[in-house]
Amino acid sequence: MSAFTTEDLFQIMRECAGEEEAVDLSSAAAEQEFGLLGYDSLALMEAISRVERGYGIALPEETLGEALTPAAFVAVVNAALADRMPAAGAA
C-alpha cells in the first residue's frame, strides 16, 4: 500500500467539513494548524474515523490532541500503516 499523503488528508477533510474559499490547501498548508485552516475538532474526529475505516488501522487516541497540523496527522497515519505491515522478508 502506498503512503498516506497530505493530498489524501485534504481530500478527506474537504468531504468531512467542506473547504473555506479563502483557505489554500496546498502543500504549504501542511505545516499550518488545523484551526488556522478552518477545521475544528469535529472535522478532525470525522477525518480520523474515515482514515481508520478506509485504511483498516486504529489511530492512537492522542492523535487529535497531538497532531495539530496536517503534516503531523499524515505522519501518525503513516506510522500506523507501517506498524500494520509485516516486516520485509518475514515468512
Protein backbone atom coordinates (compact mmCIF):
# COMPACT_ATOMS: atom_id res chain seq x y z
CA MET A 1 0.00 0.00 0.00
CA SER A 2 1.32 3.44 -0.82
CA ALA A 3 1.90 6.06 1.82
CA PHE A 4 -0.90 8.30 3.05
CA THR A 5 -0.29 11.82 1.74
CA THR A 6 -1.27 15.34 2.65
CA GLU A 7 -3.39 15.39 -0.51
CA ASP A 8 -5.23 12.28 0.74
CA LEU A 9 -5.92 14.03 4.04
CA PHE A 10 -7.10 17.23 2.38
CA GLN A 11 -9.49 15.24 0.20
CA ILE A 12 -10.97 13.61 3.30
CA MET A 13 -11.15 16.96 5.10
CA ARG A 14 -13.00 18.51 2.16
CA GLU A 15 -15.51 15.67 2.24
CA CYS A 16 -15.92 15.91 6.03
CA ALA A 17 -16.21 19.63 6.54
CA GLY A 18 -16.00 21.38 3.22
CA GLU A 19 -13.41 23.96 2.38
CA GLU A 20 -13.26 27.64 3.11
CA GLU A 21 -12.82 29.53 -0.15
CA ALA A 22 -10.02 31.63 1.30
CA VAL A 23 -8.06 28.60 2.53
CA ASP A 24 -5.23 27.36 0.36
CA LEU A 25 -4.96 23.61 0.90
CA SER A 26 -1.68 23.27 -0.95
CA SER A 27 1.47 21.63 0.33
CA ALA A 28 2.33 24.88 2.15
CA ALA A 29 -0.76 24.41 4.32
CA ALA A 30 0.60 21.12 5.67
CA GLU A 31 2.54 22.94 8.40
CA GLN A 32 -0.33 25.20 9.50
CA GLU A 33 -2.53 24.23 12.43
CA PHE A 34 -5.93 22.80 11.54
CA GLY A 35 -7.69 25.67 13.32
CA LEU A 36 -5.94 28.20 11.10
CA LEU A 37 -7.13 26.22 8.08
CA GLY A 38 -10.73 26.46 9.28
CA TYR A 39 -11.13 22.91 10.62
CA ASP A 40 -12.41 22.26 14.14
CA SER A 41 -12.13 19.20 16.37
CA LEU A 42 -15.35 17.67 14.99
CA ALA A 43 -13.94 17.74 11.46
CA LEU A 44 -10.76 16.11 12.74
CA MET A 45 -12.70 13.41 14.56
CA GLU A 46 -14.61 12.63 11.36
CA ALA A 47 -11.35 12.54 9.40
CA ILE A 48 -9.81 10.16 11.96
CA SER A 49 -12.84 7.89 11.69
CA ARG A 50 -12.71 7.86 7.90
CA VAL A 51 -8.99 7.14 7.83
CA GLU A 52 -9.37 4.31 10.32
CA ARG A 53 -12.20 2.72 8.32
CA GLY A 54 -10.66 3.35 4.92
CA TYR A 55 -7.18 2.13 5.76
CA GLY A 56 -8.05 -0.55 8.30
CA ILE A 57 -5.96 0.97 11.08
CA ALA A 58 -6.53 2.22 14.60
CA LEU A 59 -5.03 5.62 15.34
CA PRO A 60 -3.87 6.43 18.86
CA GLU A 61 -6.41 8.39 20.91
CA GLU A 62 -3.80 11.10 21.33
CA THR A 63 -3.90 11.81 17.58
CA LEU A 64 -6.46 14.56 17.91
CA GLY A 65 -4.56 16.37 20.64
CA GLU A 66 -1.04 15.88 19.33
CA ALA A 67 -1.37 16.09 15.55
CA LEU A 68 -2.04 19.80 15.29
CA THR A 69 -1.03 20.13 11.64
CA PRO A 70 -1.83 18.13 8.52
CA ALA A 71 1.84 17.08 8.28
CA ALA A 72 1.74 15.70 11.83
CA PHE A 73 -1.55 13.89 11.14
CA VAL A 74 -0.11 12.30 7.98
CA ALA A 75 2.97 11.16 9.94
CA VAL A 76 0.75 9.45 12.55
CA VAL A 77 -1.25 7.69 9.83
CA ASN A 78 1.88 6.52 8.02
CA ALA A 79 3.37 5.24 11.30
CA ALA A 80 0.17 3.24 11.93
CA LEU A 81 0.28 1.88 8.37
CA ALA A 82 3.94 0.88 8.80
CA ASP A 83 3.14 -0.90 12.08
CA ARG A 84 0.43 -2.88 10.33
CA MET A 85 2.67 -4.05 7.51
CA PRO A 86 4.63 -7.30 8.02
CA ALA A 87 8.39 -6.89 8.08
CA ALA A 88 10.06 -7.33 4.71
CA GLY A 89 11.45 -10.80 4.28
CA ALA A 90 9.42 -12.28 7.13
CA ALA A 91 7.84 -15.51 6.08
